[in-house]
Amino acid sequence: MVTKKQRKINYTIIGIVGFFLISILIFLSFGLQQKTVSFSNQCLLPSCDTGYKDAGTICIDLTCTRVCQKDIFGCGDYGRLKTETKSHLVTPDDRNTYKKSGSVTESSNLCYKFATATTFSVTDRKAGLFSSPSTAHEVYSREVSGLVSTDPTCSSSSSISSETSFSNGKKGDSSVRRAEGKYIGYKGATTCRAGRNSDGSEGNLQVSLIYQTAPWKVIDKETTEINCNYDCDTNRDCGSTQSGQPFCDGNNIVRETTSPICSNNNKCSTSTDTTIVESCDSGCSGSTCIIKEDDGNGNGGPIDGEISIYRFSNNQCNQETIIVTQRTSMDYDTLNECKKNILIEEGCATLGIKADRDSCCIEEGFDLYNENLSQCIVDKKIEKNILQIVITWVILIIIFILLMFNLYNIIKRKRR
């Protein structure tokens, strides 16, 4: 008899085992999902070879696979033996003359194995007035087209048989198959070739075609796979945004930003945007604005050797005009170039171009810059996975509480 203490232990074990089983099932449902995308000619998979059928296509990550299958035909199981037999009454005139059995015409949806058999039953050895009777006979058996044949059988008895082995199984090809057999008599010895040919004998020559059939059917499938890779599923698969060095375009200092694009056919390409970094009142040279000062007569003119730069100092960027020879490593041609130095303290939000903000966030270990939140965030897919984990654990805790509550009630009732 089970004691209350033992029953309590059993219920506890059941609860713990149930908790872990449910945990494993939920983990498998959320954690082992494989990223797949629908096939849409991403990498122009070639068609299956001739004779193969398309068994479906699937794309996993950035690889697509087309499965091609071909039926392999062969012979099934062979059935019972069948015969086509014909008997012939032979005389001395029929010695060394082949007699035939009934025939079989092969069908293309069956397989065949053939063998032949010939039996000579002697009724009269026929001794002539001036000759000796037959003392031995040779019997031959074969298939008329040479599919199977055998060496002759020699015997001095009154019944001699000769049989061939079965041919290999093969698919029917509309051929007509027939067995044939003959006898030769010898005299003067009980072995055939030791004696001389006799004048012949009388008897019954039975010729049989023996065969088996099997269905010609599909016995296996041959499967091949064609793989190809396509470039991308999202823009991020094509790389990161790249910003070039500033240069002059007319009276403006501009910068080109190259952004990766995953096109509709899952091929990577790029898009280039040109952004004005600064507009110059007196023209642009190289990658800086030309500075002009009044010469005192109302005429402006460039002062040789002077350039306008942004100097980084005290965590700030200030525009200054300096002599070229006074330039330091903390001087920059554009404000945005200078602001990159204060990212560590002020964050990626200080950058003016979204592409630069995205690149900054990636360097800081995030996925992209969120304009609405004005901060770096992880990708939505990652956020979704985290949410799934949180929901999973909440469900597990609730299930565990319910199991424990149910276990408590069961134990309580047993004590009553």
Protein backbone atom coordinates (compact mmCIF):
# COMPACT_ATOMS: atom_id res chain seq x y z
CA MET A 1 0.00 0.00 0.00
CA VAL A 2 1.30 3.47 -0.95
CA THR A 3 1.77 5.79 2.03
CA LYS A 4 0.76 9.44 2.03
CA LYS A 5 4.40 10.46 2.11
CA GLN A 6 5.20 8.30 -0.92
CA ARG A 7 2.12 9.61 -2.75
CA LYS A 8 3.26 13.19 -2.09
CA ILE A 9 6.72 12.39 -3.48
CA ASN A 10 5.14 10.83 -6.58
CA TYR A 11 2.99 13.89 -7.22
CA THR A 12 6.01 16.15 -6.83
CA ILE A 13 8.01 14.08 -9.34
CA ILE A 14 5.09 14.18 -11.80
CA GLY A 15 4.87 17.96 -11.47
CA ILE A 16 8.60 18.48 -12.05
CA VAL A 17 8.68 16.13 -15.05
CA GLY A 18 5.61 17.84 -16.56
CA PHE A 19 7.23 21.24 -16.09
CA PHE A 20 10.40 20.22 -17.92
CA LEU A 21 8.49 18.49 -20.74
CA ILE A 22 6.43 21.61 -21.36
CA SER A 23 9.64 23.70 -21.24
CA ILE A 24 11.25 21.54 -23.88
CA LEU A 25 8.20 21.72 -26.17
CA ILE A 26 8.03 25.50 -25.95
CA PHE A 27 11.77 25.81 -26.56
CA LEU A 28 11.50 23.64 -29.65
CA SER A 29 8.59 25.70 -30.98
CA PHE A 30 10.41 29.03 -30.54
CA GLY A 31 14.11 28.22 -30.59
CA LEU A 32 14.44 25.85 -33.52
CA GLN A 33 12.65 27.90 -36.14
CA GLN A 34 14.75 28.07 -39.28
CA LYS A 35 14.76 31.16 -41.36
CA THR A 36 13.18 30.41 -44.74
CA VAL A 37 12.04 32.58 -47.61
CA SER A 38 9.67 31.80 -50.43
CA PHE A 39 11.30 30.91 -53.72
CA SER A 40 10.86 33.66 -56.29
CA ASN A 41 13.58 33.02 -58.86
CA GLN A 42 16.19 34.51 -56.53
CA CYS A 43 19.08 32.84 -58.26
CA LEU A 44 17.55 31.56 -61.50
CA LEU A 45 17.71 27.85 -60.68
CA PRO A 46 18.05 25.77 -63.85
CA SER A 47 15.32 23.29 -64.76
CA CYS A 48 15.58 19.61 -63.96
CA ASP A 49 17.39 17.41 -66.48
CA THR A 50 15.40 15.46 -69.04
CA GLY A 51 13.59 12.56 -67.43
CA TYR A 52 13.46 14.19 -64.00
CA LYS A 53 10.42 15.81 -62.41
CA ASP A 54 10.52 18.96 -60.29
CA ALA A 55 9.74 17.82 -56.73
CA GLY A 56 9.75 21.33 -55.26
CA THR A 57 12.06 24.21 -54.39
CA ILE A 58 12.97 25.68 -51.02
CA CYS A 59 15.20 28.59 -50.02
CA ILE A 60 16.95 28.57 -46.63
CA ASP A 61 18.93 31.64 -45.65
CA LEU A 62 20.69 32.66 -48.88
CA THR A 63 20.70 29.26 -50.62
CA CYS A 64 17.97 27.87 -52.88
CA THR A 65 17.61 24.19 -53.74
CA ARG A 66 15.52 22.53 -56.43
CA VAL A 67 14.83 18.83 -55.86
CA CYS A 68 14.55 16.70 -59.01
CA GLN A 69 13.31 13.10 -58.97
CA LYS A 70 13.24 10.33 -61.56
CA ASP A 71 11.42 7.00 -61.32
CA ILE A 72 13.71 3.97 -61.45
CA PHE A 73 11.96 1.04 -63.13
CA GLY A 74 12.84 -2.58 -62.67
CA CYS A 75 11.49 -6.10 -62.43
CA GLY A 76 9.30 -6.94 -59.47
CA ASP A 77 8.90 -10.35 -57.89
CA TYR A 78 8.70 -13.29 -60.29
CA GLY A 79 5.65 -15.53 -60.11
CA ARG A 80 5.05 -19.27 -60.63
CA LEU A 81 6.54 -21.31 -63.45
CA LYS A 82 4.61 -21.48 -66.71
CA THR A 83 5.20 -23.77 -69.69
CA GLU A 84 4.45 -23.97 -73.39
CA THR A 85 4.86 -27.67 -74.25
CA LYS A 86 4.42 -29.57 -77.49
CA SER A 87 4.84 -33.33 -78.09
CA HIS A 88 6.03 -34.83 -81.39
CA LEU A 89 5.92 -38.48 -82.58
CA VAL A 90 9.28 -38.97 -84.25
CA THR A 91 10.55 -41.62 -86.65
CA PRO A 92 13.99 -42.46 -87.98
CA ASP A 93 13.42 -39.80 -90.63
CA ASP A 94 13.25 -37.14 -87.87
CA ARG A 95 16.69 -37.87 -86.47
CA ASN A 96 18.81 -34.69 -86.17
CA THR A 97 15.77 -32.52 -86.93
CA TYR A 98 14.62 -29.82 -84.45
CA LYS A 99 11.01 -29.86 -83.26
CA LYS A 100 9.47 -26.77 -81.65
CA SER A 101 7.34 -25.98 -78.59
CA GLY A 102 4.51 -23.48 -78.30
CA SER A 103 5.47 -19.78 -78.34
CA VAL A 104 5.30 -16.76 -75.98
CA THR A 105 5.21 -13.14 -77.18
CA GLU A 106 6.83 -10.77 -74.66
CA SER A 107 4.82 -7.85 -73.26
CA SER A 108 6.50 -4.48 -72.59
CA ASN A 109 4.97 -4.18 -69.10
CA LEU A 110 6.38 -7.51 -67.88
CA CYS A 111 9.80 -9.02 -67.19
CA TYR A 112 10.70 -12.54 -68.31
CA LYS A 113 13.02 -15.44 -67.46
CA PHE A 114 13.23 -18.38 -69.89
CA ALA A 115 14.49 -21.96 -69.83
CA THR A 116 13.93 -24.95 -72.13
CA ALA A 117 13.58 -28.72 -71.69
CA THR A 118 13.49 -31.62 -74.18
CA THR A 119 12.64 -35.24 -73.32
CA PHE A 120 12.95 -38.19 -75.77
CA SER A 121 11.02 -41.34 -74.80
CA VAL A 122 12.19 -44.24 -77.04
CA THR A 123 9.49 -46.71 -78.17
CA ASP A 124 11.39 -48.57 -80.91
CA ARG A 125 15.13 -48.58 -81.53
CA LYS A 126 14.37 -49.70 -85.18
CA ALA A 127 16.96 -52.18 -86.29
CA GLY A 128 16.99 -52.50 -90.06
CA LEU A 129 17.41 -55.77 -91.96
CA PHE A 130 21.09 -55.20 -92.49
CA SER A 131 21.85 -52.76 -89.61
CA SER A 132 22.08 -52.72 -85.84
CA PRO A 133 19.52 -50.94 -83.61
CA SER A 134 20.25 -47.68 -81.79
CA THR A 135 22.09 -48.29 -78.55
CA ALA A 136 22.30 -44.65 -77.29
CA HIS A 137 20.76 -41.30 -78.04
CA GLU A 138 21.78 -37.62 -77.74
CA VAL A 139 19.11 -35.03 -76.91
CA TYR A 140 19.50 -31.29 -77.57
CA SER A 141 17.49 -28.34 -76.13
CA ARG A 142 17.64 -24.60 -76.75
CA GLU A 143 15.62 -21.41 -77.34
CA VAL A 144 15.24 -20.67 -81.04
CA SER A 145 16.94 -17.25 -80.95
CA GLY A 146 19.85 -18.53 -78.87
CA LEU A 147 18.73 -16.91 -75.63
CA VAL A 148 19.54 -20.15 -73.76
CA SER A 149 21.06 -23.47 -74.91
CA THR A 150 22.81 -26.50 -73.44
CA ASP A 151 25.23 -29.24 -74.37
CA PRO A 152 23.52 -32.47 -75.51
CA THR A 153 22.62 -35.15 -72.99
CA CYS A 154 23.64 -38.72 -73.89
CA SER A 155 22.08 -41.86 -72.48
CA SER A 156 21.45 -45.49 -73.40
CA SER A 157 18.19 -45.52 -71.44
CA SER A 158 14.73 -45.33 -72.95
CA SER A 159 14.07 -41.83 -71.61
CA ILE A 160 16.59 -39.01 -72.05
CA SER A 161 16.09 -35.38 -70.94
CA SER A 162 18.05 -32.21 -71.57
CA GLU A 163 17.36 -28.90 -69.75
CA THR A 164 18.86 -25.41 -69.84
CA SER A 165 19.31 -22.95 -66.96
CA PHE A 166 17.08 -19.87 -66.73
CA SER A 167 18.09 -16.75 -68.58
CA ASN A 168 18.60 -13.47 -66.72
CA GLY A 169 15.45 -11.46 -66.09
CA LYS A 170 14.74 -8.73 -68.64
CA LYS A 171 11.99 -6.34 -69.68
CA GLY A 172 9.78 -7.65 -72.46
CA ASP A 173 10.40 -6.23 -75.93
CA SER A 174 7.73 -7.94 -78.07
CA SER A 175 10.10 -10.79 -79.00
CA VAL A 176 8.56 -14.19 -79.79
CA ARG A 177 10.16 -16.93 -77.66
CA ARG A 178 10.00 -20.66 -78.52
CA ALA A 179 11.94 -23.76 -77.43
CA GLU A 180 13.23 -26.43 -79.83
CA GLY A 181 14.78 -29.89 -79.35
CA LYS A 182 16.05 -32.88 -81.34
CA TYR A 183 17.57 -36.38 -80.99
CA ILE A 184 20.43 -38.24 -82.68
CA GLY A 185 20.80 -42.03 -82.46
CA TYR A 186 24.07 -44.03 -82.19
CA LYS A 187 24.78 -47.77 -82.60
CA GLY A 188 27.59 -50.09 -81.70
CA ALA A 189 28.30 -48.60 -78.25
CA THR A 190 26.43 -47.39 -75.15
CA THR A 191 28.11 -43.99 -75.36
CA CYS A 192 27.01 -41.65 -78.08
CA ARG A 193 30.14 -40.44 -79.76
CA ALA A 194 31.93 -43.77 -79.41
CA GLY A 195 29.46 -45.39 -81.77
CA ARG A 196 28.35 -44.66 -85.28
CA ASN A 197 25.24 -42.80 -86.26
CA SER A 198 22.30 -45.13 -86.37
CA ASP A 199 19.45 -45.13 -88.84
CA GLY A 200 17.23 -43.63 -86.13
CA SER A 201 14.55 -44.60 -83.66
CA GLU A 202 10.89 -44.07 -82.97
CA GLY A 203 9.43 -42.40 -79.91
CA ASN A 204 7.93 -39.27 -78.38
CA LEU A 205 9.91 -36.00 -78.38
CA GLN A 206 8.46 -33.48 -75.87
CA VAL A 207 9.74 -29.88 -76.21
CA SER A 208 8.93 -27.30 -73.50
CA LEU A 209 9.47 -23.54 -73.09
CA ILE A 210 9.54 -22.79 -69.35
CA TYR A 211 9.19 -19.18 -68.18
CA GLN A 212 8.37 -16.83 -65.29
CA THR A 213 6.99 -13.28 -65.42
CA ALA A 214 7.25 -10.27 -63.11
CA PRO A 215 5.71 -6.78 -63.32
CA TRP A 216 7.83 -3.99 -64.81
CA LYS A 217 7.33 -1.23 -62.24
CA VAL A 218 8.86 1.64 -60.28
CA ILE A 219 11.21 0.10 -57.73
CA ASP A 220 13.06 3.23 -56.57
CA LYS A 221 13.45 6.99 -57.07
CA GLU A 222 16.63 8.76 -58.01
CA THR A 223 16.93 12.21 -56.46
CA THR A 224 19.25 15.03 -57.43
CA GLU A 225 19.54 18.55 -56.04
CA ILE A 226 20.42 21.79 -57.79
CA ASN A 227 21.73 24.51 -55.49
CA CYS A 228 22.40 28.17 -56.02
CA ASN A 229 23.03 31.16 -53.81
CA TYR A 230 21.43 34.55 -54.09
CA ASP A 231 22.90 37.76 -52.78
CA CYS A 232 20.55 38.98 -50.11
CA ASP A 233 17.27 38.91 -48.24
CA THR A 234 17.54 42.37 -46.63
CA ASN A 235 19.60 45.50 -47.32
CA ARG A 236 21.93 44.63 -44.46
CA ASP A 237 23.01 41.45 -46.27
CA CYS A 238 24.63 43.70 -48.89
CA GLY A 239 26.97 45.50 -46.49
CA SER A 240 26.97 48.80 -44.64
CA THR A 241 26.53 52.40 -45.72
CA GLN A 242 29.73 54.10 -46.88
CA SER A 243 30.36 57.86 -46.84
CA GLY A 244 32.99 59.33 -49.12
CA GLN A 245 35.30 62.28 -48.62
CA PRO A 246 33.88 65.78 -49.24
CA PHE A 247 34.62 67.49 -52.56
CA CYS A 248 33.63 70.61 -54.44
CA ASP A 249 30.61 70.72 -56.73
CA GLY A 250 30.20 74.26 -58.05
CA ASN A 251 30.03 76.58 -55.07
CA ASN A 252 29.12 73.75 -52.68
CA ILE A 253 31.07 71.25 -50.65
CA VAL A 254 29.28 67.94 -51.08
CA ARG A 255 29.62 64.35 -49.91
CA GLU A 256 28.47 61.18 -51.62
CA THR A 257 26.91 58.44 -49.50
CA THR A 258 26.61 54.93 -50.95
CA SER A 259 23.84 52.79 -49.43
CA PRO A 260 23.39 49.02 -50.00
CA ILE A 261 20.12 47.87 -51.57
CA CYS A 262 18.66 44.38 -51.83
CA SER A 263 16.57 44.49 -55.01
CA ASN A 264 13.36 42.60 -55.76
CA ASN A 265 15.27 39.76 -57.41
CA ASN A 266 17.48 39.40 -54.31
CA LYS A 267 20.53 40.90 -55.94
CA CYS A 268 22.74 43.46 -54.20
CA SER A 269 23.13 46.90 -55.69
CA THR A 270 23.90 50.36 -54.36
CA SER A 271 22.27 53.76 -54.30
CA THR A 272 24.36 56.91 -54.18
CA ASP A 273 23.03 60.15 -52.67
CA THR A 274 24.83 63.47 -52.83
CA THR A 275 24.40 65.73 -49.80
CA ILE A 276 25.45 69.38 -49.54
CA VAL A 277 27.77 69.74 -46.57
CA GLU A 278 28.36 73.47 -46.92
CA SER A 279 27.58 76.25 -49.39
CA CYS A 280 30.46 78.62 -50.24
CA ASP A 281 29.86 82.35 -50.87
CA SER A 282 33.14 82.90 -52.69
CA GLY A 283 33.53 79.59 -54.47
CA CYS A 284 35.05 76.25 -53.60
CA SER A 285 38.49 74.83 -54.12
CA GLY A 286 39.47 71.21 -53.45
CA SER A 287 37.21 70.48 -50.50
CA THR A 288 37.17 73.88 -48.79
CA CYS A 289 35.47 77.22 -49.30
CA ILE A 290 37.56 80.09 -50.72
CA ILE A 291 37.91 82.99 -48.23
CA LYS A 292 37.93 86.50 -49.68
CA GLU A 293 38.75 89.77 -47.83
CA ASP A 294 38.16 93.33 -48.85
CA ASP A 295 41.33 94.97 -50.24
CA GLY A 296 40.23 98.44 -49.00
CA ASN A 297 38.92 99.57 -52.37
CA GLY A 298 35.70 97.56 -52.19
CA ASN A 299 37.14 94.72 -54.12
CA GLY A 300 37.37 91.25 -52.65
CA GLY A 301 40.28 89.02 -53.38
CA PRO A 302 41.58 85.72 -52.13
CA ILE A 303 44.31 85.79 -49.58
CA ASP A 304 46.87 83.21 -50.61
CA GLY A 305 47.41 80.37 -48.16
CA GLU A 306 44.26 80.95 -46.05
CA ILE A 307 41.63 78.23 -45.64
CA SER A 308 38.42 77.81 -43.65
CA ILE A 309 38.37 74.79 -41.29
CA TYR A 310 36.51 73.40 -38.30
CA ARG A 311 38.80 72.98 -35.30
CA PHE A 312 37.97 70.43 -32.61
CA SER A 313 38.73 71.78 -29.14
CA ASN A 314 37.16 71.29 -25.70
CA ASN A 315 34.70 68.81 -27.18
CA GLN A 316 33.41 71.47 -29.59
CA CYS A 317 33.78 72.26 -33.27
CA ASN A 318 34.52 75.91 -34.11
CA GLN A 319 34.96 77.37 -37.59
CA GLU A 320 38.22 79.25 -38.06
CA THR A 321 40.30 80.74 -40.87
CA ILE A 322 43.93 79.70 -40.75
CA ILE A 323 47.07 79.62 -42.85
CA VAL A 324 47.52 76.25 -44.52
CA THR A 325 50.80 75.70 -42.69
CA GLN A 326 48.98 76.11 -39.36
CA ARG A 327 46.69 73.12 -39.94
CA THR A 328 46.75 70.40 -37.26
CA SER A 329 45.39 66.86 -36.99
CA MET A 330 42.32 68.25 -35.16
CA ASP A 331 41.30 70.51 -38.08
CA TYR A 332 38.55 69.30 -40.46
CA ASP A 333 37.17 70.56 -43.74
CA THR A 334 33.53 70.02 -42.79
CA LEU A 335 31.46 70.34 -39.65
CA ASN A 336 30.26 66.74 -39.81
CA GLU A 337 33.82 65.45 -40.08
CA CYS A 338 34.70 67.42 -36.96
CA LYS A 339 31.60 66.25 -35.06
CA LYS A 340 32.65 62.64 -35.40
CA ASN A 341 35.16 63.29 -32.61
CA ILE A 342 32.48 64.03 -30.04
CA LEU A 343 30.40 60.89 -30.63
CA ILE A 344 31.83 59.11 -27.62
CA GLU A 345 30.46 61.74 -25.23
CA GLU A 346 27.38 63.05 -27.05
CA GLY A 347 26.22 59.93 -28.92
CA CYS A 348 25.35 59.17 -32.53
CA ALA A 349 22.44 61.65 -32.58
CA THR A 350 24.84 64.56 -33.22
CA LEU A 351 25.54 63.42 -36.76
CA GLY A 352 23.57 65.24 -39.43
CA ILE A 353 23.25 62.45 -42.02
CA LYS A 354 21.11 59.36 -41.29
CA ALA A 355 23.62 57.11 -43.04
CA ASP A 356 26.34 58.34 -40.66
CA ARG A 357 24.06 57.80 -37.67
CA ASP A 358 23.39 54.22 -38.78
CA SER A 359 27.11 53.55 -39.23
CA CYS A 360 27.80 55.05 -35.83
CA CYS A 361 25.22 52.79 -34.15
CA ILE A 362 26.69 49.70 -35.81
CA GLU A 363 30.16 50.65 -34.54
CA GLU A 364 28.71 50.99 -31.03
CA GLY A 365 27.31 47.43 -31.16
CA PHE A 366 23.73 48.25 -32.17
CA ASP A 367 21.84 47.50 -35.39
CA LEU A 368 20.49 50.86 -36.57
CA TYR A 369 19.50 54.39 -35.54
CA ASN A 370 15.82 55.01 -34.64
CA GLU A 371 14.73 58.47 -35.73
CA ASN A 372 11.63 58.50 -33.49
CA LEU A 373 13.54 57.50 -30.35
CA SER A 374 16.67 59.49 -31.27
CA GLN A 375 18.85 56.60 -30.18
CA CYS A 376 20.48 53.40 -31.35
CA ILE A 377 18.35 50.25 -31.18
CA VAL A 378 18.60 46.57 -32.00
CA ASP A 379 16.89 45.18 -35.05
CA LYS A 380 13.17 44.46 -34.79
CA LYS A 381 13.81 40.77 -35.48
CA ILE A 382 16.08 40.63 -32.42
CA GLU A 383 13.49 42.54 -30.38
CA LYS A 384 10.91 39.98 -31.49
CA ASN A 385 13.13 37.09 -30.37
CA ILE A 386 13.63 38.71 -26.97
CA LEU A 387 9.87 39.19 -26.67
CA GLN A 388 9.34 35.53 -27.52
CA ILE A 389 11.77 34.50 -24.80
CA VAL A 390 10.03 36.71 -22.23
CA ILE A 391 6.59 35.38 -23.18
CA THR A 392 7.91 31.81 -23.04
CA TRP A 393 9.21 32.20 -19.53
CA VAL A 394 6.02 33.91 -18.36
CA ILE A 395 4.00 30.97 -19.73
CA LEU A 396 6.35 28.50 -18.06
CA ILE A 397 6.04 30.23 -14.69
CA ILE A 398 2.24 30.29 -14.94
CA ILE A 399 2.14 26.59 -15.87
CA PHE A 400 4.48 25.75 -12.99
CA ILE A 401 2.29 27.68 -10.51
CA LEU A 402 -0.82 25.91 -11.79
CA LEU A 403 0.86 22.50 -11.49
CA MET A 404 1.99 23.21 -7.94
CA PHE A 405 -1.47 24.52 -6.99
CA ASN A 406 -3.11 21.40 -8.43
CA LEU A 407 -0.59 19.19 -6.65
CA TYR A 408 -1.30 20.97 -3.37
CA ASN A 409 -5.08 20.39 -3.73
CA ILE A 410 -4.55 16.70 -4.52
CA ILE A 411 -2.38 16.19 -1.46
CA LYS A 412 -4.85 18.14 0.69
CA ARG A 413 -7.75 15.93 -0.46
CA LYS A 414 -5.77 12.76 0.20
CA ARG A 415 -5.08 13.82 3.77
CA ARG A 416 -8.81 14.19 4.39
